[in-house]
Structure formats: C-alpha cells, structure tokens
Amino acid sequence: MAMLHGRFFALALLALVLIWPHQLGAKDKPHIVYILANDLGWKDVGYHGGRPATPRLDALAASGARLERFYTQPNSTPTRAAIMTGRYPMRYGLQMLSLLPWSSYGLPLDERLLPQALKMVGYRTAAFGQWQLGHASRDLLPTHRGFDYFYGSHNALLDHFRKVDLTGKRDWHRGERLIREKGFATSLIARDAAAFIADHDASRPLFMYVSLPVPGAPLQASANYLAKYRDVGDEQLSAYYAMISEMDAAVGIIADAIEAKGMSENTLLVFHSDNGGAVKNKYPSGDGDVARNVASNGPFRNGRGSLYEGATRVVALAVWPGRIEPAVISERIHVTDMYPTLLNLAGAPLDNDNQVKPIDGMDVWPVMAGGELGSRDEMLVHVDEFRGAVMVGNWKLILYGTLPSRLELYNVADDPSEELNRAERDPERVQALLARLNEYAWQMEPSLYLDDLAAARSYDTPIFWGENPPRP
C-alpha cells in the first residue's frame, strides 16, 4: 500500500510539474505586447515635433515612459535578432544587413528565442507582420521558433497592397499557409492582432510580437491617409507621412483591443522602430531610389544603415498603467536589454537547460519603471567585417576598415549631431576604444550574409529595390 501511495504521489507531482506553467495566470505575469515599426524617423512622430499626425503614439508617450536614448542595430534583421536573443547579432553571424527573399540562412537554430523562453512559463505566443529572421526551411519559420501563431510576411514587402516580396512573389501567410487577402498590409495586421486579442483567454499570459512593415519603402498608403497630406507638395514625402499616420492608427487598434478585453492594467506595451529612418544623405550603399529616403531623424546624423545616431537612436516608449509612471527617460537602453527585462518580468529563466550563452542585454526594468539611473556604461553599436562602432560612457568611436580607412570619435552628449570628430585631438581615448572594439571583433562569427552572397546561385539575383511597384 505504501508503494502504491508513493507511486501515486510521484505521478501527481509529475502532472503538477507539467501543468504548472500553464496554470500561472496573467495575474501572476504580465501580458506583453511588443510593437516594432520599420524605418521610422526619430523626428517623424508628433511628440518629437514631426509633421505626421500620430495622436495614438502621442497619447501612449504621455501616459508612459518615453525612452529617449533607446538604441537598436543599424538594419532590420539584426535588430529583430537582438530582440529575440538578447545577444549582439555578431555572435551568431547576423551582423550584416538584412535577410532577403533569396537568402538561404536565418537566425541559427541553437539560439533560444524570446517566445520559446516565455512558453516555458505558460505564455501563449503570437507574431504578426514582418518576420525577416529566416524562411529558407520550415524550422526557421516563426511557428517553429516559439510562436503558436503567425500572420504576415516572411520578408520585407515590395508592395504593401499586393503583398509580394522583392522578387515579385506573393508573401502573405497565416501560420505556414500562403494566403490571399485584399487590403493594405499594416491595416490587415492590426485587425488580425486585435481579433487575436479579442479571442484570447485573458487568464493566460500573452506575448504578442507585432512587426509593422511601415513606414519603410515602398512608400505607399491607403487613399484616405494619402488625402490628409495632399498639401505637402512632394509625392514621396506625402506617402511617407500617410504611412506613419496609418501605422499610428494600427497601434491604436491594438491598444483599443487590449482595453476592450480588460487587459490594460496587466499589459506591458513596448513600441519602437527597428532602426532610424532612411534619409537622403545616408552612407553610400546602392540603396536604389534615393528619392524614397525622405525620413527625418531630427538632430541626429544620417540614418538607417549607418553607424551614426540617426541609424541607431530610435523612437521608443513603454506603457503599463499603474506600473510605469509618465516620464522622459534619458538613460541609455539597448535593444538587447529587452530580452532579460521581459524574461525577468515574466519569471522565465535566462538560461536554456543549463546551456548558458552570453547575454549582452541587462535588466532595465528599474530604469523604465522607476526612472532609476542606468548601469549600462558600454554598448557595442555595431561590428562587421568592414566597420564597427563602440560607445563607452558618452564617447563613441567609429571605425571604417575599408580603404580609405578612417577613425571618428564623438562625444554624443555634447555633440549629438556628431559634427565634431575629435579623433586627432584625443589619440589615447581612440586607442582605448579601438582596443575594446577589437575585443568584440575577435568574438564575431563570420557574416552569414557574406557567406550566402559568396555562394549565390546566380549573378542575376536582384540586390536593391527595383522600380516603383504598380499601384493597385
């Protein structure tokens, strides 16, 4: 009899262990709604003095924390990878540029992603919008990387209405199924996300990742939003502004769904851009139609793809009623910090079956919620096989290794526009920061982008944006 009781106890204990994570309700863990914009200029929101109307973002910024020194990676894929891993993308070969429709690689499978970690403690997970972390094989798709549900595109879109990728192929999915739907991609994403929230059992914690494809090129918007900016006088700029207002409305649709479900008081909403806006004076990159690069990054130099503040210092905010007080946060936060911050809030472990990889992010919840001073003194801005930048304190060193090579040194506190290169005036500081940058470079894995390019199947493979896609 004692043996039977022992076996029963063991089975009961095993059952408890298996179901315990799923029984931890939302009252124990916050819902997390993470919204990412694409190529949004720092100044191009209302609360930064921008021309586009962004009433919903302005209201969220007023009710929560404006994260005014929030840094990302210079390009889309590396930023998305950093969110998902909490690690600098150079640690696993995703440091250079972004995945393309013909890319044969993706975020390596031995990296544990944010939704996988959250599922360990009972979260339901869903991804919407632009993935850009791998699609060449099924195991790279979002539904194989920790997401219970996916709706959107695998790649950046060549046309927001026809929902085709840069090769002209249809790229719109629900789960792993290719589907056809009419409408502007951003609005479809917002409606699907809102419907998902409406159907969700609010007693279970939810992690929702919404990667909006706007206001990135191609510059297109719905007719009703275009009409709001007819007076601008520049077709590309009018479309860009309209996209931002449509993006703002999408954020509002999702926020309203959270409110209607009664989830607001236990939901952390995070919003930021994946990188700075594309501007006309960005670094030479063969980026195609420069007329499309119409964003404004305010006082910050250059834009998307560069190593300057205009590329990596982005619009960002965090809202959680009752837990985050309205504030303007001027402490430095890096995008990798979101991984440990969210996992700690959710009570999820940072390690994976004792397989611990170095986490570059740090928990910044006290900074975001309480306005405490941050402890991040050092930040790797970027490093790849040709260039790199590192920041220690307020000093930022930029190295261009391609010929003619050059070094630039800026104090971004005194000189946020990075106009005064102090490299020749302060050689000792240059050498100290250069040594630190090289330490990071020694830890860098070879670029998967370059490996893929070297093994390209055809020299006819398109590399840059083509002509303006036809309007629907």
Protein backbone atom coordinates (compact mmCIF):
# COMPACT_ATOMS: atom_id res chain seq x y z
CA MET A 1 0.00 0.00 0.00
CA ALA A 2 2.82 2.38 0.87
CA MET A 3 4.39 1.65 -2.50
CA LEU A 4 1.11 2.48 -4.27
CA HIS A 5 0.81 5.72 -2.34
CA GLY A 6 4.40 6.57 -3.31
CA ARG A 7 3.72 5.94 -6.97
CA PHE A 8 0.53 7.96 -6.85
CA PHE A 9 2.39 10.84 -5.23
CA ALA A 10 5.12 10.68 -7.86
CA LEU A 11 2.58 10.71 -10.69
CA ALA A 12 0.69 13.58 -9.11
CA LEU A 13 3.92 15.51 -8.70
CA LEU A 14 4.86 14.88 -12.33
CA ALA A 15 1.44 16.08 -13.50
CA LEU A 16 1.78 19.19 -11.39
CA VAL A 17 5.18 19.96 -12.90
CA LEU A 18 3.80 19.53 -16.42
CA ILE A 19 0.75 21.73 -15.99
CA TRP A 20 2.08 24.27 -13.51
CA PRO A 21 3.46 26.75 -16.07
CA HIS A 22 0.11 26.83 -17.86
CA GLN A 23 -1.80 27.42 -14.65
CA LEU A 24 0.15 30.55 -13.84
CA GLY A 25 -2.35 33.13 -14.97
CA ALA A 26 -1.96 36.68 -16.20
CA LYS A 27 -2.42 37.97 -12.66
CA ASP A 28 0.99 36.44 -11.90
CA LYS A 29 2.63 37.50 -15.16
CA PRO A 30 2.06 40.50 -17.42
CA HIS A 31 0.73 40.32 -20.92
CA ILE A 32 3.45 41.66 -23.22
CA VAL A 33 2.61 43.43 -26.49
CA TYR A 34 5.75 44.34 -28.41
CA ILE A 35 5.20 46.57 -31.46
CA LEU A 36 8.00 47.30 -33.92
CA ALA A 37 7.92 49.98 -36.63
CA ASN A 38 10.03 49.76 -39.78
CA ASP A 39 12.43 52.60 -40.68
CA LEU A 40 10.61 55.26 -38.65
CA GLY A 41 12.45 58.59 -38.46
CA TRP A 42 13.20 59.81 -34.94
CA LYS A 43 11.51 63.16 -35.51
CA ASP A 44 8.58 61.80 -37.50
CA VAL A 45 6.16 61.45 -34.58
CA GLY A 46 4.02 64.18 -33.10
CA TYR A 47 5.62 64.21 -29.66
CA HIS A 48 9.03 64.83 -31.25
CA GLY A 49 7.64 67.74 -33.27
CA GLY A 50 7.15 65.85 -36.52
CA ARG A 51 4.73 66.73 -39.28
CA PRO A 52 2.85 63.40 -39.42
CA ALA A 53 -0.17 63.16 -37.13
CA THR A 54 0.39 60.44 -34.52
CA PRO A 55 -2.28 61.01 -31.85
CA ARG A 56 -2.26 57.44 -30.53
CA LEU A 57 1.51 57.29 -30.11
CA ASP A 58 1.46 60.75 -28.56
CA ALA A 59 -1.13 59.62 -26.02
CA LEU A 60 0.83 56.49 -25.18
CA ALA A 61 4.03 58.52 -24.79
CA ALA A 62 2.23 60.93 -22.43
CA SER A 63 0.90 58.08 -20.28
CA GLY A 64 4.10 56.05 -20.09
CA ALA A 65 7.85 56.21 -20.38
CA ARG A 66 9.41 57.98 -23.35
CA LEU A 67 12.68 56.14 -23.84
CA GLU A 68 14.75 58.93 -25.36
CA ARG A 69 18.09 57.10 -25.51
CA PHE A 70 16.92 53.77 -26.89
CA TYR A 71 19.40 52.15 -29.31
CA THR A 72 18.89 49.45 -31.91
CA GLN A 73 21.03 47.93 -34.66
CA PRO A 74 21.51 49.83 -37.95
CA ASN A 75 19.36 47.43 -40.02
CA SER A 76 16.15 45.42 -39.75
CA THR A 77 17.25 41.79 -39.38
CA PRO A 78 19.98 42.47 -36.79
CA THR A 79 17.54 44.43 -34.62
CA ARG A 80 14.92 41.71 -34.79
CA ALA A 81 17.55 39.12 -33.91
CA ALA A 82 18.71 41.20 -30.94
CA ILE A 83 15.13 41.43 -29.61
CA MET A 84 14.69 37.69 -29.88
CA THR A 85 18.02 36.65 -28.32
CA GLY A 86 19.25 39.44 -26.06
CA ARG A 87 22.61 38.97 -27.78
CA TYR A 88 24.59 41.08 -30.21
CA PRO A 89 23.91 39.70 -33.72
CA MET A 90 27.64 39.43 -34.44
CA ARG A 91 27.72 36.48 -32.01
CA TYR A 92 25.79 34.31 -34.48
CA GLY A 93 26.55 35.79 -37.90
CA LEU A 94 23.57 38.15 -38.37
CA GLN A 95 25.52 41.39 -38.03
CA MET A 96 25.40 42.49 -41.66
CA LEU A 97 22.39 43.95 -43.47
CA SER A 98 19.06 42.11 -43.67
CA LEU A 99 17.74 38.82 -44.94
CA LEU A 100 16.37 38.89 -48.48
CA PRO A 101 13.85 36.62 -50.24
CA TRP A 102 16.67 34.57 -51.77
CA SER A 103 18.66 34.24 -48.53
CA SER A 104 19.38 30.63 -47.60
CA TYR A 105 20.22 31.35 -43.94
CA GLY A 106 18.37 32.59 -40.88
CA LEU A 107 18.66 33.09 -37.14
CA PRO A 108 20.63 29.98 -36.09
CA LEU A 109 18.54 27.22 -34.56
CA ASP A 110 20.77 26.86 -31.50
CA GLU A 111 19.72 30.32 -30.31
CA ARG A 112 16.85 30.25 -27.81
CA LEU A 113 14.32 32.91 -28.78
CA LEU A 114 12.19 35.10 -26.54
CA PRO A 115 8.88 33.32 -27.28
CA GLN A 116 10.48 29.92 -26.59
CA ALA A 117 11.62 31.12 -23.18
CA LEU A 118 8.20 32.64 -22.40
CA LYS A 119 6.38 29.46 -23.38
CA MET A 120 8.37 27.66 -20.69
CA VAL A 121 6.41 29.64 -18.09
CA GLY A 122 2.98 29.34 -19.64
CA TYR A 123 2.72 32.16 -22.18
CA ARG A 124 0.64 31.96 -25.33
CA THR A 125 2.68 33.49 -28.15
CA ALA A 126 1.77 35.11 -31.46
CA ALA A 127 3.71 37.00 -34.14
CA PHE A 128 2.27 39.39 -36.70
CA GLY A 129 3.82 41.27 -39.59
CA GLN A 130 7.32 41.22 -41.00
CA TRP A 131 9.48 38.27 -39.83
CA GLN A 132 12.87 38.69 -41.61
CA LEU A 133 14.65 36.07 -39.50
CA GLY A 134 14.66 33.14 -41.90
CA HIS A 135 12.32 31.31 -44.25
CA ALA A 136 14.51 29.02 -46.41
CA SER A 137 13.42 25.97 -44.40
CA ARG A 138 10.42 25.20 -42.17
CA ASP A 139 12.50 25.11 -38.99
CA LEU A 140 13.36 28.80 -39.49
CA LEU A 141 9.73 29.93 -39.63
CA PRO A 142 8.15 31.72 -36.65
CA THR A 143 5.84 28.80 -35.86
CA HIS A 144 8.95 26.67 -35.35
CA ARG A 145 10.74 29.30 -33.25
CA GLY A 146 8.34 29.54 -30.32
CA PHE A 147 5.28 31.26 -31.77
CA ASP A 148 1.92 29.49 -31.53
CA TYR A 149 0.50 31.67 -34.31
CA PHE A 150 1.85 33.76 -37.18
CA TYR A 151 0.23 36.16 -39.61
CA GLY A 152 2.20 38.27 -42.06
CA SER A 153 5.18 38.16 -44.42
CA HIS A 154 8.48 36.34 -44.22
CA ASN A 155 10.35 39.20 -45.91
CA ALA A 156 10.22 42.93 -46.47
CA LEU A 157 7.44 43.75 -48.92
CA LEU A 158 7.91 45.21 -52.39
CA ASP A 159 4.25 46.20 -52.43
CA HIS A 160 2.10 46.77 -49.31
CA PHE A 161 -1.12 46.18 -51.24
CA ARG A 162 -0.23 43.19 -53.40
CA LYS A 163 1.88 41.79 -50.53
CA VAL A 164 4.71 40.50 -52.67
CA ASP A 165 8.41 40.34 -51.81
CA LEU A 166 11.35 41.86 -53.69
CA THR A 167 11.20 39.13 -56.31
CA GLY A 168 7.52 39.78 -57.00
CA LYS A 169 6.37 36.55 -55.35
CA ARG A 170 3.37 36.54 -53.03
CA ASP A 171 4.49 36.61 -49.39
CA TRP A 172 1.48 36.61 -47.05
CA HIS A 173 0.89 33.80 -44.61
CA ARG A 174 -1.34 32.59 -41.84
CA GLY A 175 0.66 30.04 -39.92
CA GLU A 176 2.65 28.27 -42.64
CA ARG A 177 -0.08 28.60 -45.26
CA LEU A 178 0.26 31.06 -48.15
CA ILE A 179 -2.94 33.11 -48.40
CA ARG A 180 -4.53 35.87 -50.49
CA GLU A 181 -6.12 38.89 -48.84
CA LYS A 182 -7.06 42.31 -50.14
CA GLY A 183 -6.06 45.46 -48.31
CA PHE A 184 -3.10 47.42 -47.01
CA ALA A 185 -0.73 45.15 -45.10
CA THR A 186 -0.48 47.31 -41.98
CA SER A 187 -4.24 47.57 -41.54
CA LEU A 188 -4.65 43.83 -42.06
CA ILE A 189 -2.00 43.12 -39.41
CA ALA A 190 -3.68 45.44 -36.90
CA ARG A 191 -7.12 43.89 -37.44
CA ASP A 192 -5.80 40.35 -37.14
CA ALA A 193 -3.88 41.22 -33.97
CA ALA A 194 -6.99 42.85 -32.49
CA ALA A 195 -9.08 39.78 -33.32
CA PHE A 196 -6.48 37.56 -31.70
CA ILE A 197 -6.64 39.63 -28.51
CA ALA A 198 -10.45 39.52 -28.52
CA ASP A 199 -10.39 35.72 -28.70
CA HIS A 200 -7.64 35.28 -26.12
CA ASP A 201 -8.32 33.83 -22.68
CA ALA A 202 -7.08 36.75 -20.57
CA SER A 203 -6.40 34.44 -17.63
CA ARG A 204 -3.38 33.12 -19.54
CA PRO A 205 -0.38 35.43 -20.10
CA LEU A 206 0.06 36.55 -23.69
CA PHE A 207 3.19 37.55 -25.61
CA MET A 208 2.33 39.31 -28.84
CA TYR A 209 5.06 40.49 -31.25
CA VAL A 210 3.80 42.87 -33.94
CA SER A 211 6.35 43.88 -36.57
CA LEU A 212 4.69 46.51 -38.76
CA PRO A 213 6.16 46.93 -42.27
CA VAL A 214 5.69 50.71 -42.27
CA PRO A 215 6.83 53.37 -42.84
CA GLY A 216 9.56 51.54 -44.75
CA ALA A 217 9.79 51.56 -48.54
CA PRO A 218 7.99 51.24 -50.86
CA LEU A 219 6.21 54.47 -49.95
CA GLN A 220 2.54 53.56 -50.27
CA ALA A 221 -0.53 54.24 -48.16
CA SER A 222 -4.28 53.89 -48.27
CA ALA A 223 -6.15 56.62 -50.15
CA ASN A 224 -7.83 58.09 -47.07
CA TYR A 225 -4.48 58.62 -45.39
CA LEU A 226 -2.84 59.99 -48.53
CA ALA A 227 -5.62 62.59 -48.71
CA LYS A 228 -4.54 64.01 -45.36
CA TYR A 229 -1.17 65.10 -46.78
CA ARG A 230 -2.03 66.41 -50.24
CA ASP A 231 -0.71 69.85 -49.25
CA VAL A 232 2.84 68.56 -48.66
CA GLY A 233 3.75 69.03 -52.31
CA ASP A 234 6.06 66.02 -52.59
CA GLU A 235 4.53 62.69 -53.60
CA GLN A 236 7.10 60.53 -51.79
CA LEU A 237 7.01 62.62 -48.63
CA SER A 238 3.19 62.68 -48.63
CA ALA A 239 3.13 58.90 -48.87
CA TYR A 240 5.69 58.56 -46.08
CA TYR A 241 3.66 60.80 -43.77
CA ALA A 242 0.48 58.91 -44.65
CA MET A 243 2.18 55.60 -43.80
CA ILE A 244 3.12 56.95 -40.39
CA SER A 245 -0.45 58.00 -39.66
CA GLU A 246 -1.66 54.59 -40.80
CA MET A 247 0.94 52.99 -38.54
CA ASP A 248 -0.30 55.16 -35.66
CA ALA A 249 -3.87 54.03 -36.32
CA ALA A 250 -2.71 50.39 -36.28
CA VAL A 251 -1.14 50.91 -32.87
CA GLY A 252 -4.42 52.44 -31.73
CA ILE A 253 -6.44 49.46 -32.98
CA ILE A 254 -4.24 47.11 -30.95
CA ALA A 255 -4.34 49.34 -27.86
CA ASP A 256 -8.16 49.57 -28.11
CA ALA A 257 -8.41 45.77 -28.33
CA ILE A 258 -6.35 45.44 -25.15
CA GLU A 259 -8.65 47.94 -23.41
CA ALA A 260 -11.83 46.28 -24.68
CA LYS A 261 -10.61 42.92 -23.38
CA GLY A 262 -9.99 44.39 -19.93
CA MET A 263 -6.29 43.59 -20.12
CA SER A 264 -4.80 47.10 -19.93
CA GLU A 265 -3.91 47.09 -16.25
CA ASN A 266 -1.78 43.97 -16.66
CA THR A 267 -0.27 44.64 -20.07
CA LEU A 268 3.17 46.00 -20.81
CA LEU A 269 3.15 47.62 -24.24
CA VAL A 270 6.51 48.40 -25.85
CA PHE A 271 6.88 50.34 -29.09
CA HIS A 272 9.99 51.31 -31.02
CA SER A 273 11.44 51.46 -34.52
CA ASP A 274 13.78 48.76 -35.80
CA ASN A 275 16.30 51.44 -36.84
CA GLY A 276 16.33 55.09 -37.82
CA GLY A 277 14.60 56.47 -40.87
CA ALA A 278 16.11 56.35 -44.35
CA VAL A 279 17.49 59.76 -45.26
CA LYS A 280 18.94 61.23 -48.44
CA ASN A 281 22.44 61.72 -47.06
CA LYS A 282 22.83 58.19 -45.73
CA TYR A 283 26.08 56.34 -46.29
CA PRO A 284 26.68 55.17 -49.90
CA SER A 285 25.08 51.76 -50.13
CA GLY A 286 23.47 51.40 -53.53
CA ASP A 287 20.12 51.67 -51.80
CA GLY A 288 18.27 52.15 -55.04
CA ASP A 289 15.87 55.05 -55.42
CA VAL A 290 17.27 57.70 -53.08
CA ALA A 291 14.13 59.77 -53.63
CA ARG A 292 12.40 57.37 -51.26
CA ASN A 293 14.73 58.27 -48.41
CA VAL A 294 12.63 61.10 -47.01
CA ALA A 295 12.63 60.48 -43.25
CA SER A 296 13.81 62.95 -40.65
CA ASN A 297 15.94 61.82 -37.71
CA GLY A 298 15.87 65.26 -36.16
CA PRO A 299 19.20 66.39 -34.74
CA PHE A 300 20.86 63.04 -35.34
CA ARG A 301 23.27 62.44 -38.18
CA ASN A 302 22.46 60.23 -41.14
CA GLY A 303 20.02 57.31 -40.94
CA ARG A 304 19.24 53.65 -41.46
CA GLY A 305 22.28 51.52 -42.23
CA SER A 306 24.92 53.96 -40.99
CA LEU A 307 26.86 53.91 -37.72
CA TYR A 308 25.69 57.36 -36.62
CA GLU A 309 22.97 58.22 -34.10
CA GLY A 310 20.40 58.67 -36.86
CA ALA A 311 20.60 54.94 -37.59
CA THR A 312 20.53 53.51 -34.09
CA ARG A 313 18.84 56.02 -31.75
CA VAL A 314 15.13 55.50 -32.31
CA VAL A 315 11.62 56.41 -31.26
CA ALA A 316 10.72 54.23 -28.28
CA LEU A 317 8.20 54.10 -25.45
CA ALA A 318 6.84 51.71 -22.83
CA VAL A 319 3.39 51.79 -21.22
CA TRP A 320 1.96 49.82 -18.30
CA PRO A 321 -0.78 51.60 -16.35
CA GLY A 322 -0.02 51.71 -12.65
CA ARG A 323 3.43 50.20 -13.09
CA ILE A 324 5.18 52.72 -15.33
CA GLU A 325 4.76 56.35 -14.36
CA PRO A 326 4.72 59.04 -17.07
CA ALA A 327 8.33 60.11 -17.55
CA VAL A 328 11.00 61.04 -20.05
CA ILE A 329 13.82 58.54 -19.60
CA SER A 330 17.23 59.78 -20.71
CA GLU A 331 19.22 56.75 -19.58
CA ARG A 332 20.76 54.60 -22.31
CA ILE A 333 18.87 51.41 -23.17
CA HIS A 334 19.96 48.94 -25.83
CA VAL A 335 17.58 46.70 -27.74
CA THR A 336 19.30 43.60 -26.32
CA ASP A 337 18.17 44.77 -22.86
CA MET A 338 14.57 43.93 -23.67
CA TYR A 339 15.22 40.16 -23.61
CA PRO A 340 16.35 39.86 -19.97
CA THR A 341 13.96 42.61 -18.88
CA LEU A 342 10.91 40.82 -20.28
CA LEU A 343 12.03 37.38 -19.12
CA ASN A 344 12.60 38.63 -15.58
CA LEU A 345 9.19 40.29 -15.51
CA ALA A 346 7.64 37.02 -16.69
CA GLY A 347 9.58 34.90 -14.22
CA ALA A 348 11.26 32.98 -17.04
CA PRO A 349 14.82 31.63 -16.79
CA LEU A 350 17.60 33.31 -18.75
CA ASP A 351 19.36 30.01 -19.37
CA ASN A 352 18.16 27.12 -21.52
CA ASP A 353 18.59 23.70 -19.93
CA ASN A 354 21.78 24.97 -18.34
CA GLN A 355 23.14 25.83 -21.80
CA VAL A 356 24.06 29.41 -20.98
CA LYS A 357 25.16 31.70 -23.78
CA PRO A 358 26.42 35.20 -23.00
CA ILE A 359 23.51 37.63 -22.76
CA ASP A 360 24.57 41.12 -23.82
CA GLY A 361 21.41 42.77 -22.54
CA MET A 362 20.73 43.74 -18.95
CA ASP A 363 17.53 44.09 -16.98
CA VAL A 364 16.48 47.74 -17.33
CA TRP A 365 13.11 47.48 -15.61
CA PRO A 366 14.18 49.81 -12.75
CA VAL A 367 15.15 52.38 -15.38
CA MET A 368 11.94 52.06 -17.40
CA ALA A 369 9.55 51.90 -14.46
CA GLY A 370 11.22 53.89 -11.75
CA GLY A 371 13.42 56.31 -13.61
CA GLU A 372 16.50 54.98 -11.85
CA LEU A 373 19.96 55.61 -13.21
CA GLY A 374 21.10 53.02 -15.68
CA SER A 375 24.20 50.90 -15.28
CA ARG A 376 24.95 50.44 -18.99
CA ASP A 377 28.26 52.28 -19.46
CA GLU A 378 29.33 50.38 -22.56
CA MET A 379 27.49 49.44 -25.73
CA LEU A 380 28.58 47.77 -28.94
CA VAL A 381 26.91 49.87 -31.62
CA HIS A 382 27.85 47.53 -34.45
CA VAL A 383 30.69 45.42 -35.80
CA ASP A 384 31.09 43.51 -39.06
CA GLU A 385 33.96 42.54 -41.31
CA PHE A 386 34.32 46.08 -42.72
CA ARG A 387 33.38 48.57 -40.00
CA GLY A 388 32.41 48.95 -36.39
CA ALA A 389 31.45 51.33 -33.61
CA VAL A 390 31.52 51.16 -29.84
CA MET A 391 30.32 53.55 -27.15
CA VAL A 392 31.81 53.84 -23.65
CA GLY A 393 30.22 56.47 -21.48
CA ASN A 394 29.32 59.26 -23.86
CA TRP A 395 32.28 58.60 -26.15
CA LYS A 396 31.66 56.87 -29.44
CA LEU A 397 34.34 55.51 -31.74
CA ILE A 398 33.57 54.67 -35.36
CA LEU A 399 36.00 52.64 -37.47
CA TYR A 400 35.75 52.22 -41.23
CA GLY A 401 38.13 49.44 -42.19
CA THR A 402 37.62 49.62 -45.94
CA LEU A 403 40.01 51.81 -47.87
CA PRO A 404 40.39 54.67 -47.37
CA SER A 405 40.05 53.66 -43.71
CA ARG A 406 39.25 56.27 -41.07
CA LEU A 407 38.53 56.71 -37.39
CA GLU A 408 35.94 59.07 -35.92
CA LEU A 409 35.45 59.98 -32.26
CA TYR A 410 32.42 61.83 -30.92
CA ASN A 411 31.05 62.85 -27.55
CA VAL A 412 27.36 62.18 -28.20
CA ALA A 413 26.26 64.03 -25.06
CA ASP A 414 27.91 67.31 -26.09
CA ASP A 415 27.61 66.65 -29.81
CA PRO A 416 24.53 64.52 -30.57
CA SER A 417 24.71 65.52 -34.23
CA GLU A 418 28.23 64.02 -34.45
CA GLU A 419 29.67 67.03 -36.25
CA LEU A 420 32.98 67.38 -34.39
CA ASN A 421 35.38 64.48 -34.97
CA ARG A 422 37.79 64.52 -32.03
CA ALA A 423 39.90 61.55 -33.10
CA GLU A 424 43.05 63.59 -33.77
CA ARG A 425 42.66 65.61 -30.57
CA ASP A 426 42.30 62.61 -28.27
CA PRO A 427 44.51 59.76 -29.56
CA GLU A 428 44.70 57.99 -26.19
CA ARG A 429 40.93 57.67 -25.97
CA VAL A 430 40.84 56.49 -29.58
CA GLN A 431 43.32 53.72 -28.83
CA ALA A 432 41.44 52.61 -25.71
CA LEU A 433 38.11 52.43 -27.55
CA LEU A 434 39.72 50.79 -30.58
CA ALA A 435 41.15 48.08 -28.33
CA ARG A 436 37.67 47.48 -26.92
CA LEU A 437 36.13 47.31 -30.39
CA ASN A 438 38.75 44.78 -31.44
CA GLU A 439 37.92 42.65 -28.41
CA TYR A 440 34.36 42.46 -29.68
CA ALA A 441 35.55 41.77 -33.23
CA TRP A 442 37.51 38.73 -32.04
CA GLN A 443 34.23 37.31 -30.68
CA MET A 444 32.45 37.82 -34.02
CA GLU A 445 31.16 34.90 -36.04
CA PRO A 446 31.58 35.13 -39.84
CA SER A 447 28.78 37.02 -41.53
CA LEU A 448 26.10 34.66 -42.85
CA TYR A 449 25.12 37.39 -45.33
CA LEU A 450 28.60 37.33 -46.88
CA ASP A 451 28.69 33.53 -46.86
CA ASP A 452 25.35 33.48 -48.64
CA LEU A 453 26.48 36.11 -51.13
CA ALA A 454 29.63 34.16 -51.93
CA ALA A 455 27.54 31.07 -52.59
CA ALA A 456 24.92 32.96 -54.63
CA ARG A 457 23.18 30.78 -57.14
CA SER A 458 23.01 33.45 -59.83
CA TYR A 459 24.62 36.77 -60.60
CA ASP A 460 21.19 37.81 -61.87
CA THR A 461 19.84 37.79 -58.31
CA PRO A 462 18.46 41.28 -57.60
CA ILE A 463 20.14 43.13 -54.74
CA PHE A 464 18.45 46.52 -54.48
CA TRP A 465 14.93 47.89 -54.64
CA GLY A 466 13.61 47.92 -58.15
CA GLU A 467 11.33 50.42 -59.80
CA ASN A 468 8.28 51.71 -58.00
CA PRO A 469 5.74 48.87 -57.87
CA PRO A 470 2.47 49.43 -59.70
CA ARG A 471 -0.32 50.90 -57.62
CA PRO A 472 -3.28 48.58 -57.06
